[in-house]
Amino acid sequence: MNETQPKLLMLMYGIIAFFAVVGILLLVVDRAPKRGREKVQLVAFLAPALLLLAVGLLIPAIRTVILSFKGPFSDTWVGLDNYAWMFTNGDSRRILLNTAAWVVLVPTLATTVGLLYAIVIDKARGEAFAKALVFMPMAISLVGASIIWKFVYTVRPADDNQIGLANQLLVLVGLEPYRFLQDPPWNTLFLIVILIWIQAGFAMVILSAAIKAVSADVIEAARLDGVNAWQMFRNVTLPSIRPAVVVVMVTITITTLKAFDIVRTTTGGQFETGVVATALYDQAFVFGEVGKGSALAVLLFVLVLPIVVYQVGVLRSQREIR
């Protein structure tokens, strides 16, 4: 039998099962009594989604929590040893410090750069083109952007021609080549630059739209009061776009916590550049330490959850105000 035939049969069975489930749902909804039909429709169409959510998210999450209390081969209970390892082992503490640096610097600097750029080019000639240039890195995958910057940071011996842009500039001004990706702790900062370069475009687009939505009457009234540019920004623009700033900061923070591609592509987590996401992968799939990898996954979930809850609260409060 051809190797592709079983896959085609599985695909065909899957399609048949999908249409069968949809047909049964439509039949049940159609035969439901008029009284209470809306409830039947709600249950009928939500049940498959909730089932898939449980299978794809809830059950794996519960299993990950259970595995975080087990040893390398998932056959012995070790209690809180894996969590104690995260905060007492030197390498894991370095990973946590690196992750903290990413979470503090990337959202702050990316939002600041995006905001400044949005203000500077607002209503300027060639605004659309300028915005497109800044937003362009968002169209590149994280792996692609990492490869680009890896070439930028490439270093060769001092007596060789430098092919990396950064080191070529250093040589042109009479400095020695620098190992941007190998020398800690500054190599982590140079990796952070990559994500800032990508996320600044996202921040610029959202904040630029928020700036344009500021009431013209408020701006005109402030000008009549004789405020200067800084007072206009501090007392009018910034308070008006505060909800957008919060959304941008939260979104970039969540993206930063999951930063895996950049570190994995550029350094592989070596040279003290590892973060929680890369350590999770290494422990679970490279070193076979499933328990430690699961504990790191739980930590990542615990870090992301309050941020998501906060963002939901902000969005809900905005709807209530409107």
C-alpha atoms as a PDB file:
ATOM      1  CA  MET A   1       0.000   0.000   0.000  1.00  0.00           C
ATOM      2  CA  ASN A   2       1.233   3.468  -0.887  1.00  0.00           C
ATOM      3  CA  GLU A   3       2.366   5.498   2.136  1.00  0.00           C
ATOM      4  CA  THR A   4       0.074   8.351   1.182  1.00  0.00           C
ATOM      5  CA  GLN A   5      -3.066   6.179   1.099  1.00  0.00           C
ATOM      6  CA  PRO A   6      -3.482   5.891   4.914  1.00  0.00           C
ATOM      7  CA  LYS A   7      -3.113   9.662   5.229  1.00  0.00           C
ATOM      8  CA  LEU A   8      -5.721  10.215   2.511  1.00  0.00           C
ATOM      9  CA  LEU A   9      -8.066   7.766   4.224  1.00  0.00           C
ATOM     10  CA  MET A  10      -7.633   9.555   7.562  1.00  0.00           C
ATOM     11  CA  LEU A  11      -8.297  12.898   5.869  1.00  0.00           C
ATOM     12  CA  MET A  12     -11.394  11.518   4.185  1.00  0.00           C
ATOM     13  CA  TYR A  13     -12.692  10.022   7.441  1.00  0.00           C
ATOM     14  CA  GLY A  14     -12.070  13.317   9.181  1.00  0.00           C
ATOM     15  CA  ILE A  15     -14.054  15.243   6.567  1.00  0.00           C
ATOM     16  CA  ILE A  16     -16.892  12.730   6.763  1.00  0.00           C
ATOM     17  CA  ALA A  17     -16.909  12.939  10.571  1.00  0.00           C
ATOM     18  CA  PHE A  18     -16.978  16.755  10.425  1.00  0.00           C
ATOM     19  CA  PHE A  19     -19.980  16.872   8.100  1.00  0.00           C
ATOM     20  CA  ALA A  20     -21.689  14.139  10.119  1.00  0.00           C
ATOM     21  CA  VAL A  21     -21.341  16.145  13.333  1.00  0.00           C
ATOM     22  CA  VAL A  22     -22.565  19.326  11.630  1.00  0.00           C
ATOM     23  CA  GLY A  23     -25.529  17.428  10.167  1.00  0.00           C
ATOM     24  CA  ILE A  24     -26.465  15.958  13.538  1.00  0.00           C
ATOM     25  CA  LEU A  25     -26.258  19.403  15.168  1.00  0.00           C
ATOM     26  CA  LEU A  26     -28.473  20.958  12.506  1.00  0.00           C
ATOM     27  CA  LEU A  27     -30.954  18.091  12.838  1.00  0.00           C
ATOM     28  CA  VAL A  28     -31.105  18.442  16.622  1.00  0.00           C
ATOM     29  CA  VAL A  29     -31.581  22.200  16.407  1.00  0.00           C
ATOM     30  CA  ASP A  30     -34.259  21.862  13.724  1.00  0.00           C
ATOM     31  CA  ARG A  31     -36.213  19.251  15.718  1.00  0.00           C
ATOM     32  CA  ALA A  32     -35.979  21.138  18.984  1.00  0.00           C
ATOM     33  CA  PRO A  33     -39.259  22.479  20.399  1.00  0.00           C
ATOM     34  CA  LYS A  34     -39.906  26.174  19.826  1.00  0.00           C
ATOM     35  CA  ARG A  35     -39.920  26.812  23.555  1.00  0.00           C
ATOM     36  CA  GLY A  36     -36.322  26.801  24.639  1.00  0.00           C
ATOM     37  CA  ARG A  37     -34.955  26.468  21.089  1.00  0.00           C
ATOM     38  CA  GLU A  38     -32.430  29.252  21.676  1.00  0.00           C
ATOM     39  CA  LYS A  39     -30.931  27.352  24.602  1.00  0.00           C
ATOM     40  CA  VAL A  40     -30.729  24.192  22.498  1.00  0.00           C
ATOM     41  CA  GLN A  41     -28.982  26.113  19.743  1.00  0.00           C
ATOM     42  CA  LEU A  42     -26.551  27.620  22.228  1.00  0.00           C
ATOM     43  CA  VAL A  43     -25.657  24.241  23.708  1.00  0.00           C
ATOM     44  CA  ALA A  44     -25.511  22.479  20.328  1.00  0.00           C
ATOM     45  CA  PHE A  45     -23.077  24.886  18.743  1.00  0.00           C
ATOM     46  CA  LEU A  46     -20.983  25.625  21.822  1.00  0.00           C
ATOM     47  CA  ALA A  47     -20.523  22.013  22.898  1.00  0.00           C
ATOM     48  CA  PRO A  48     -18.106  21.011  20.064  1.00  0.00           C
ATOM     49  CA  ALA A  49     -16.036  24.160  20.598  1.00  0.00           C
ATOM     50  CA  LEU A  50     -15.882  23.578  24.348  1.00  0.00           C
ATOM     51  CA  LEU A  51     -14.956  19.932  23.761  1.00  0.00           C
ATOM     52  CA  LEU A  52     -12.115  20.890  21.435  1.00  0.00           C
ATOM     53  CA  LEU A  53     -11.008  23.556  23.903  1.00  0.00           C
ATOM     54  CA  ALA A  54     -10.908  20.979  26.671  1.00  0.00           C
ATOM     55  CA  VAL A  55      -9.003  18.451  24.561  1.00  0.00           C
ATOM     56  CA  GLY A  56      -6.554  20.965  23.115  1.00  0.00           C
ATOM     57  CA  LEU A  57      -6.026  23.289  26.075  1.00  0.00           C
ATOM     58  CA  LEU A  58      -7.572  22.303  29.398  1.00  0.00           C
ATOM     59  CA  ILE A  59      -6.475  18.661  29.540  1.00  0.00           C
ATOM     60  CA  PRO A  60      -2.866  19.409  28.416  1.00  0.00           C
ATOM     61  CA  ALA A  61      -2.695  22.231  30.977  1.00  0.00           C
ATOM     62  CA  ILE A  62      -3.781  19.912  33.792  1.00  0.00           C
ATOM     63  CA  ARG A  63      -1.354  17.239  32.621  1.00  0.00           C
ATOM     64  CA  THR A  64       1.483  19.804  32.531  1.00  0.00           C
ATOM     65  CA  VAL A  65       0.764  20.841  36.120  1.00  0.00           C
ATOM     66  CA  ILE A  66       0.821  17.180  37.212  1.00  0.00           C
ATOM     67  CA  LEU A  67       4.085  16.520  35.355  1.00  0.00           C
ATOM     68  CA  SER A  68       5.677  19.537  37.050  1.00  0.00           C
ATOM     69  CA  PHE A  69       5.614  17.556  40.312  1.00  0.00           C
ATOM     70  CA  LYS A  70       7.327  14.525  38.777  1.00  0.00           C
ATOM     71  CA  GLY A  71      10.896  13.532  37.966  1.00  0.00           C
ATOM     72  CA  PRO A  72      12.691  13.192  34.624  1.00  0.00           C
ATOM     73  CA  PHE A  73      10.896  10.044  33.483  1.00  0.00           C
ATOM     74  CA  SER A  74       7.457  11.066  34.799  1.00  0.00           C
ATOM     75  CA  ASP A  75       7.295   7.983  37.030  1.00  0.00           C
ATOM     76  CA  THR A  76       8.311   9.392  40.420  1.00  0.00           C
ATOM     77  CA  TRP A  77       6.833  12.211  42.462  1.00  0.00           C
ATOM     78  CA  VAL A  78       9.339  14.830  43.537  1.00  0.00           C
ATOM     79  CA  GLY A  79       6.954  17.366  45.041  1.00  0.00           C
ATOM     80  CA  LEU A  80       8.151  20.948  44.799  1.00  0.00           C
ATOM     81  CA  ASP A  81      11.738  20.022  43.888  1.00  0.00           C
ATOM     82  CA  ASN A  82      11.351  21.249  40.313  1.00  0.00           C
ATOM     83  CA  TYR A  83      10.044  24.619  41.481  1.00  0.00           C
ATOM     84  CA  ALA A  84      12.822  24.879  44.073  1.00  0.00           C
ATOM     85  CA  TRP A  85      15.343  24.128  41.308  1.00  0.00           C
ATOM     86  CA  MET A  86      14.058  27.113  39.284  1.00  0.00           C
ATOM     87  CA  PHE A  87      14.851  29.597  42.037  1.00  0.00           C
ATOM     88  CA  THR A  88      17.995  28.022  43.532  1.00  0.00           C
ATOM     89  CA  ASN A  89      19.990  26.751  40.547  1.00  0.00           C
ATOM     90  CA  GLY A  90      22.463  29.291  39.173  1.00  0.00           C
ATOM     91  CA  ASP A  91      21.630  28.657  35.506  1.00  0.00           C
ATOM     92  CA  SER A  92      17.876  28.830  36.076  1.00  0.00           C
ATOM     93  CA  ARG A  93      18.203  32.061  38.058  1.00  0.00           C
ATOM     94  CA  ARG A  94      20.155  33.558  35.168  1.00  0.00           C
ATOM     95  CA  ILE A  95      17.291  32.528  32.884  1.00  0.00           C
ATOM     96  CA  LEU A  96      14.756  34.225  35.158  1.00  0.00           C
ATOM     97  CA  LEU A  97      16.857  37.408  35.265  1.00  0.00           C
ATOM     98  CA  ASN A  98      17.140  37.407  31.475  1.00  0.00           C
ATOM     99  CA  THR A  99      13.386  36.972  31.161  1.00  0.00           C
ATOM    100  CA  ALA A 100      12.820  39.860  33.575  1.00  0.00           C
ATOM    101  CA  ALA A 101      15.124  42.059  31.486  1.00  0.00           C
ATOM    102  CA  TRP A 102      13.162  41.191  28.345  1.00  0.00           C
ATOM    103  CA  VAL A 103       9.811  41.893  30.023  1.00  0.00           C
ATOM    104  CA  VAL A 104      10.938  45.254  31.403  1.00  0.00           C
ATOM    105  CA  LEU A 105      12.861  46.610  28.421  1.00  0.00           C
ATOM    106  CA  VAL A 106      10.997  45.369  25.335  1.00  0.00           C
ATOM    107  CA  PRO A 107       7.470  46.675  26.131  1.00  0.00           C
ATOM    108  CA  THR A 108       8.795  49.943  27.558  1.00  0.00           C
ATOM    109  CA  LEU A 109      11.221  50.784  24.762  1.00  0.00           C
ATOM    110  CA  ALA A 110       9.090  49.448  21.905  1.00  0.00           C
ATOM    111  CA  THR A 111       6.066  51.441  23.098  1.00  0.00           C
ATOM    112  CA  THR A 112       8.186  54.557  23.636  1.00  0.00           C
ATOM    113  CA  VAL A 113       9.770  54.342  20.188  1.00  0.00           C
ATOM    114  CA  GLY A 114       6.412  53.664  18.545  1.00  0.00           C
ATOM    115  CA  LEU A 115       4.780  56.570  20.385  1.00  0.00           C
ATOM    116  CA  LEU A 116       7.543  59.032  19.538  1.00  0.00           C
ATOM    117  CA  TYR A 117       7.510  57.993  15.910  1.00  0.00           C
ATOM    118  CA  ALA A 118       3.705  58.259  15.734  1.00  0.00           C
ATOM    119  CA  ILE A 119       3.854  61.807  17.145  1.00  0.00           C
ATOM    120  CA  VAL A 120       6.719  62.946  14.914  1.00  0.00           C
ATOM    121  CA  ILE A 121       5.215  61.780  11.623  1.00  0.00           C
ATOM    122  CA  ASP A 122       1.595  62.595  12.457  1.00  0.00           C
ATOM    123  CA  LYS A 123       0.154  64.524   9.479  1.00  0.00           C
ATOM    124  CA  ALA A 124       3.641  64.917   7.989  1.00  0.00           C
ATOM    125  CA  ARG A 125       4.364  64.674   4.276  1.00  0.00           C
ATOM    126  CA  GLY A 126       4.924  61.055   3.282  1.00  0.00           C
ATOM    127  CA  GLU A 127       3.311  59.793   6.503  1.00  0.00           C
ATOM    128  CA  ALA A 128       2.004  56.591   4.909  1.00  0.00           C
ATOM    129  CA  PHE A 129       5.409  55.697   3.462  1.00  0.00           C
ATOM    130  CA  ALA A 130       7.191  56.446   6.737  1.00  0.00           C
ATOM    131  CA  LYS A 131       4.735  54.272   8.659  1.00  0.00           C
ATOM    132  CA  ALA A 132       5.148  51.452   6.149  1.00  0.00           C
ATOM    133  CA  LEU A 133       8.921  51.463   6.678  1.00  0.00           C
ATOM    134  CA  VAL A 134       8.574  51.176  10.455  1.00  0.00           C
ATOM    135  CA  PHE A 135       5.809  48.576  10.265  1.00  0.00           C
ATOM    136  CA  MET A 136       7.653  46.434   7.712  1.00  0.00           C
ATOM    137  CA  PRO A 137       9.541  44.328  10.328  1.00  0.00           C
ATOM    138  CA  MET A 138       6.141  43.133  11.626  1.00  0.00           C
ATOM    139  CA  ALA A 139       5.638  41.407   8.270  1.00  0.00           C
ATOM    140  CA  ILE A 140       8.792  39.347   8.832  1.00  0.00           C
ATOM    141  CA  SER A 141       8.663  36.202  10.928  1.00  0.00           C
ATOM    142  CA  LEU A 142      10.638  36.211  14.161  1.00  0.00           C
ATOM    143  CA  VAL A 143      12.951  33.569  12.722  1.00  0.00           C
ATOM    144  CA  GLY A 144      13.533  35.642   9.586  1.00  0.00           C
ATOM    145  CA  ALA A 145      14.219  38.792  11.607  1.00  0.00           C
ATOM    146  CA  SER A 146      16.590  36.846  13.846  1.00  0.00           C
ATOM    147  CA  ILE A 147      18.563  35.584  10.856  1.00  0.00           C
ATOM    148  CA  ILE A 148      18.823  39.141   9.500  1.00  0.00           C
ATOM    149  CA  TRP A 149      20.169  40.450  12.794  1.00  0.00           C
ATOM    150  CA  LYS A 150      22.449  37.456  13.203  1.00  0.00           C
ATOM    151  CA  PHE A 151      24.168  38.562  10.001  1.00  0.00           C
ATOM    152  CA  VAL A 152      24.270  42.131  11.322  1.00  0.00           C
ATOM    153  CA  TYR A 153      25.999  40.938  14.503  1.00  0.00           C
ATOM    154  CA  THR A 154      28.376  38.508  12.751  1.00  0.00           C
ATOM    155  CA  VAL A 155      31.979  38.863  13.934  1.00  0.00           C
ATOM    156  CA  ARG A 156      35.240  37.766  12.319  1.00  0.00           C
ATOM    157  CA  PRO A 157      38.836  38.004  13.517  1.00  0.00           C
ATOM    158  CA  ALA A 158      40.216  41.538  13.551  1.00  0.00           C
ATOM    159  CA  ASP A 159      42.525  40.877  10.577  1.00  0.00           C
ATOM    160  CA  ASP A 160      39.655  39.606   8.375  1.00  0.00           C
ATOM    161  CA  ASN A 161      37.074  41.583   6.451  1.00  0.00           C
ATOM    162  CA  GLN A 162      33.951  42.021   8.548  1.00  0.00           C
ATOM    163  CA  ILE A 163      30.732  40.877   6.851  1.00  0.00           C
ATOM    164  CA  GLY A 164      28.499  41.936   9.751  1.00  0.00           C
ATOM    165  CA  LEU A 165      27.175  45.483   9.448  1.00  0.00           C
ATOM    166  CA  ALA A 166      27.638  46.288  13.141  1.00  0.00           C
ATOM    167  CA  ASN A 167      31.268  45.212  13.263  1.00  0.00           C
ATOM    168  CA  GLN A 168      32.005  46.820   9.910  1.00  0.00           C
ATOM    169  CA  LEU A 169      30.846  50.146  11.373  1.00  0.00           C
ATOM    170  CA  LEU A 170      33.051  49.601  14.424  1.00  0.00           C
ATOM    171  CA  VAL A 171      36.063  48.931  12.217  1.00  0.00           C
ATOM    172  CA  LEU A 172      35.352  52.026  10.120  1.00  0.00           C
ATOM    173  CA  VAL A 173      35.557  54.247  13.218  1.00  0.00           C
ATOM    174  CA  GLY A 174      38.774  52.569  14.342  1.00  0.00           C
ATOM    175  CA  LEU A 175      37.400  50.178  16.987  1.00  0.00           C
ATOM    176  CA  GLU A 176      37.987  46.455  17.412  1.00  0.00           C
ATOM    177  CA  PRO A 177      35.288  43.959  16.337  1.00  0.00           C
ATOM    178  CA  TYR A 178      32.930  43.005  19.137  1.00  0.00           C
ATOM    179  CA  ARG A 179      31.243  39.665  19.802  1.00  0.00           C
ATOM    180  CA  PHE A 180      27.685  40.941  20.035  1.00  0.00           C
ATOM    181  CA  LEU A 181      26.092  37.514  20.512  1.00  0.00           C
ATOM    182  CA  GLN A 182      28.770  35.800  22.604  1.00  0.00           C
ATOM    183  CA  ASP A 183      29.750  38.199  25.396  1.00  0.00           C
ATOM    184  CA  PRO A 184      27.335  38.315  28.369  1.00  0.00           C
ATOM    185  CA  PRO A 185      25.490  40.169  29.743  1.00  0.00           C
ATOM    186  CA  TRP A 186      25.366  42.658  26.877  1.00  0.00           C
ATOM    187  CA  ASN A 187      24.484  39.966  24.338  1.00  0.00           C
ATOM    188  CA  THR A 188      21.036  39.700  25.930  1.00  0.00           C
ATOM    189  CA  LEU A 189      20.516  43.420  25.359  1.00  0.00           C
ATOM    190  CA  PHE A 190      21.495  43.067  21.706  1.00  0.00           C
ATOM    191  CA  LEU A 191      18.915  40.281  21.336  1.00  0.00           C
ATOM    192  CA  ILE A 192      16.309  42.505  22.987  1.00  0.00           C
ATOM    193  CA  VAL A 193      16.995  45.097  20.277  1.00  0.00           C
ATOM    194  CA  ILE A 194      15.663  42.632  17.691  1.00  0.00           C
ATOM    195  CA  LEU A 195      12.240  42.337  19.323  1.00  0.00           C
ATOM    196  CA  ILE A 196      12.080  46.101  19.913  1.00  0.00           C
ATOM    197  CA  TRP A 197      12.786  46.609  16.194  1.00  0.00           C
ATOM    198  CA  ILE A 198       9.872  44.316  15.366  1.00  0.00           C
ATOM    199  CA  GLN A 199       7.320  45.476  17.936  1.00  0.00           C
ATOM    200  CA  ALA A 200       7.923  49.224  17.527  1.00  0.00           C
ATOM    201  CA  GLY A 201       5.969  49.110  14.258  1.00  0.00           C
ATOM    202  CA  PHE A 202       2.991  47.489  15.977  1.00  0.00           C
ATOM    203  CA  ALA A 203       3.062  50.104  18.731  1.00  0.00           C
ATOM    204  CA  MET A 204       3.359  52.916  16.198  1.00  0.00           C
ATOM    205  CA  VAL A 205       0.297  51.810  14.205  1.00  0.00           C
ATOM    206  CA  ILE A 206      -1.968  51.409  17.247  1.00  0.00           C
ATOM    207  CA  LEU A 207      -0.847  54.620  18.937  1.00  0.00           C
ATOM    208  CA  SER A 208      -0.970  56.624  15.720  1.00  0.00           C
ATOM    209  CA  ALA A 209      -4.600  55.600  15.261  1.00  0.00           C
ATOM    210  CA  ALA A 210      -5.311  56.575  18.877  1.00  0.00           C
ATOM    211  CA  ILE A 211      -3.663  59.983  18.388  1.00  0.00           C
ATOM    212  CA  LYS A 212      -5.783  60.665  15.315  1.00  0.00           C
ATOM    213  CA  ALA A 213      -8.893  59.783  17.331  1.00  0.00           C
ATOM    214  CA  VAL A 214      -8.247  62.529  19.898  1.00  0.00           C
ATOM    215  CA  SER A 215     -11.050  65.075  19.709  1.00  0.00           C
ATOM    216  CA  ALA A 216     -10.187  68.066  17.523  1.00  0.00           C
ATOM    217  CA  ASP A 217     -12.212  70.292  19.861  1.00  0.00           C
ATOM    218  CA  VAL A 218     -10.003  69.330  22.811  1.00  0.00           C
ATOM    219  CA  ILE A 219      -6.853  70.050  20.809  1.00  0.00           C
ATOM    220  CA  GLU A 220      -8.193  73.398  19.602  1.00  0.00           C
ATOM    221  CA  ALA A 221      -9.195  74.406  23.126  1.00  0.00           C
ATOM    222  CA  ALA A 222      -5.708  73.553  24.395  1.00  0.00           C
ATOM    223  CA  ARG A 223      -4.112  75.664  21.662  1.00  0.00           C
ATOM    224  CA  LEU A 224      -6.344  78.588  22.520  1.00  0.00           C
ATOM    225  CA  ASP A 225      -5.087  78.294  26.095  1.00  0.00           C
ATOM    226  CA  GLY A 226      -1.565  78.797  24.773  1.00  0.00           C
ATOM    227  CA  VAL A 227      -0.042  75.397  25.659  1.00  0.00           C
ATOM    228  CA  ASN A 228       3.282  74.461  24.086  1.00  0.00           C
ATOM    229  CA  ALA A 229       4.077  71.176  22.342  1.00  0.00           C
ATOM    230  CA  TRP A 230       5.253  69.401  25.518  1.00  0.00           C
ATOM    231  CA  GLN A 231       2.201  70.526  27.517  1.00  0.00           C
ATOM    232  CA  MET A 232      -0.042  69.406  24.654  1.00  0.00           C
ATOM    233  CA  PHE A 233       1.526  65.943  24.739  1.00  0.00           C
ATOM    234  CA  ARG A 234       1.584  65.588  28.530  1.00  0.00           C
ATOM    235  CA  ASN A 235      -1.821  67.055  29.383  1.00  0.00           C
ATOM    236  CA  VAL A 236      -3.916  66.298  26.304  1.00  0.00           C
ATOM    237  CA  THR A 237      -2.515  63.618  24.002  1.00  0.00           C
ATOM    238  CA  LEU A 238      -1.117  61.166  26.545  1.00  0.00           C
ATOM    239  CA  PRO A 239      -4.215  61.046  28.819  1.00  0.00           C
ATOM    240  CA  SER A 240      -6.438  60.630  25.762  1.00  0.00           C
ATOM    241  CA  ILE A 241      -4.490  57.662  24.375  1.00  0.00           C
ATOM    242  CA  ARG A 242      -3.778  56.005  27.740  1.00  0.00           C
ATOM    243  CA  PRO A 243      -6.087  52.993  27.051  1.00  0.00           C
ATOM    244  CA  ALA A 244      -4.277  52.348  23.753  1.00  0.00           C
ATOM    245  CA  VAL A 245      -0.895  52.591  25.489  1.00  0.00           C
ATOM    246  CA  VAL A 246      -2.025  50.029  28.065  1.00  0.00           C
ATOM    247  CA  VAL A 247      -3.232  47.620  25.370  1.00  0.00           C
ATOM    248  CA  VAL A 248       0.042  47.964  23.445  1.00  0.00           C
ATOM    249  CA  MET A 249       2.162  47.452  26.573  1.00  0.00           C
ATOM    250  CA  VAL A 250       0.192  44.378  27.639  1.00  0.00           C
ATOM    251  CA  THR A 251       0.212  42.823  24.171  1.00  0.00           C
ATOM    252  CA  ILE A 252       3.967  43.308  23.744  1.00  0.00           C
ATOM    253  CA  THR A 253       4.578  41.989  27.267  1.00  0.00           C
ATOM    254  CA  ILE A 254       2.739  38.750  26.485  1.00  0.00           C
ATOM    255  CA  THR A 255       4.697  38.406  23.228  1.00  0.00           C
ATOM    256  CA  THR A 256       7.953  39.028  25.101  1.00  0.00           C
ATOM    257  CA  LEU A 257       7.252  36.371  27.712  1.00  0.00           C
ATOM    258  CA  LYS A 258       6.948  33.855  24.891  1.00  0.00           C
ATOM    259  CA  ALA A 259      10.178  35.013  23.217  1.00  0.00           C
ATOM    260  CA  PHE A 260      11.616  31.780  21.884  1.00  0.00           C
ATOM    261  CA  ASP A 261      12.370  32.183  18.193  1.00  0.00           C
ATOM    262  CA  ILE A 262      14.876  35.011  18.540  1.00  0.00           C
ATOM    263  CA  VAL A 263      17.015  33.348  21.209  1.00  0.00           C
ATOM    264  CA  ARG A 264      16.786  29.918  19.613  1.00  0.00           C
ATOM    265  CA  THR A 265      17.765  31.190  16.162  1.00  0.00           C
ATOM    266  CA  THR A 266      20.621  33.483  17.180  1.00  0.00           C
ATOM    267  CA  THR A 267      22.370  31.799  20.114  1.00  0.00           C
ATOM    268  CA  GLY A 268      20.397  28.649  20.879  1.00  0.00           C
ATOM    269  CA  GLY A 269      20.213  29.832  24.480  1.00  0.00           C
ATOM    270  CA  GLN A 270      23.999  29.629  24.881  1.00  0.00           C
ATOM    271  CA  PHE A 271      26.310  32.338  26.238  1.00  0.00           C
ATOM    272  CA  GLU A 272      23.889  33.005  29.128  1.00  0.00           C
ATOM    273  CA  THR A 273      21.109  34.250  26.824  1.00  0.00           C
ATOM    274  CA  GLY A 274      18.459  31.678  27.717  1.00  0.00           C
ATOM    275  CA  VAL A 275      14.920  32.720  28.690  1.00  0.00           C
ATOM    276  CA  VAL A 276      12.055  30.747  30.205  1.00  0.00           C
ATOM    277  CA  ALA A 277      10.645  29.712  26.814  1.00  0.00           C
ATOM    278  CA  THR A 278      13.964  28.328  25.536  1.00  0.00           C
ATOM    279  CA  ALA A 279      14.772  26.684  28.876  1.00  0.00           C
ATOM    280  CA  LEU A 280      11.370  25.003  28.828  1.00  0.00           C
ATOM    281  CA  TYR A 281      12.126  23.490  25.419  1.00  0.00           C
ATOM    282  CA  ASP A 282      15.654  22.425  26.364  1.00  0.00           C
ATOM    283  CA  GLN A 283      14.668  20.795  29.636  1.00  0.00           C
ATOM    284  CA  ALA A 284      11.688  18.898  28.219  1.00  0.00           C
ATOM    285  CA  PHE A 285      12.921  17.888  24.748  1.00  0.00           C
ATOM    286  CA  VAL A 286      16.731  18.096  24.798  1.00  0.00           C
ATOM    287  CA  PHE A 287      17.715  17.000  28.310  1.00  0.00           C
ATOM    288  CA  GLY A 288      14.677  14.779  28.929  1.00  0.00           C
ATOM    289  CA  GLU A 289      13.824  16.613  32.174  1.00  0.00           C
ATOM    290  CA  VAL A 290      10.073  16.581  31.614  1.00  0.00           C
ATOM    291  CA  GLY A 291       9.309  17.627  35.179  1.00  0.00           C
ATOM    292  CA  LYS A 292      11.542  20.694  35.064  1.00  0.00           C
ATOM    293  CA  GLY A 293      10.253  21.640  31.635  1.00  0.00           C
ATOM    294  CA  SER A 294       6.669  21.366  32.871  1.00  0.00           C
ATOM    295  CA  ALA A 295       7.488  23.485  35.928  1.00  0.00           C
ATOM    296  CA  LEU A 296       8.875  26.193  33.637  1.00  0.00           C
ATOM    297  CA  ALA A 297       5.718  25.966  31.511  1.00  0.00           C
ATOM    298  CA  VAL A 298       3.582  26.452  34.625  1.00  0.00           C
ATOM    299  CA  LEU A 299       5.711  29.441  35.606  1.00  0.00           C
ATOM    300  CA  LEU A 300       5.213  30.952  32.148  1.00  0.00           C
ATOM    301  CA  PHE A 301       1.455  30.452  32.464  1.00  0.00           C
ATOM    302  CA  VAL A 302       1.419  32.048  35.917  1.00  0.00           C
ATOM    303  CA  LEU A 303       3.320  35.065  34.572  1.00  0.00           C
ATOM    304  CA  VAL A 304       1.022  35.527  31.559  1.00  0.00           C
ATOM    305  CA  LEU A 305      -2.315  34.939  33.327  1.00  0.00           C
ATOM    306  CA  PRO A 306      -2.480  38.129  35.466  1.00  0.00           C
ATOM    307  CA  ILE A 307      -1.449  40.224  32.466  1.00  0.00           C
ATOM    308  CA  VAL A 308      -4.285  38.759  30.396  1.00  0.00           C
ATOM    309  CA  VAL A 309      -6.771  39.274  33.243  1.00  0.00           C
ATOM    310  CA  TYR A 310      -5.644  42.893  33.564  1.00  0.00           C
ATOM    311  CA  GLN A 311      -6.082  43.516  29.838  1.00  0.00           C
ATOM    312  CA  VAL A 312      -9.573  41.997  29.894  1.00  0.00           C
ATOM    313  CA  GLY A 313     -10.452  44.294  32.809  1.00  0.00           C
ATOM    314  CA  VAL A 314      -9.172  47.348  30.926  1.00  0.00           C
ATOM    315  CA  LEU A 315     -11.174  46.468  27.823  1.00  0.00           C
ATOM    316  CA  ARG A 316     -14.286  45.856  29.902  1.00  0.00           C
ATOM    317  CA  SER A 317     -13.953  49.195  31.657  1.00  0.00           C
ATOM    318  CA  GLN A 318     -13.598  50.939  28.279  1.00  0.00           C
ATOM    319  CA  ARG A 319     -16.837  49.364  27.061  1.00  0.00           C
ATOM    320  CA  GLU A 320     -18.652  50.460  30.223  1.00  0.00           C
ATOM    321  CA  ILE A 321     -17.432  54.040  29.736  1.00  0.00           C
ATOM    322  CA  ARG A 322     -18.681  54.055  26.131  1.00  0.00           C
END
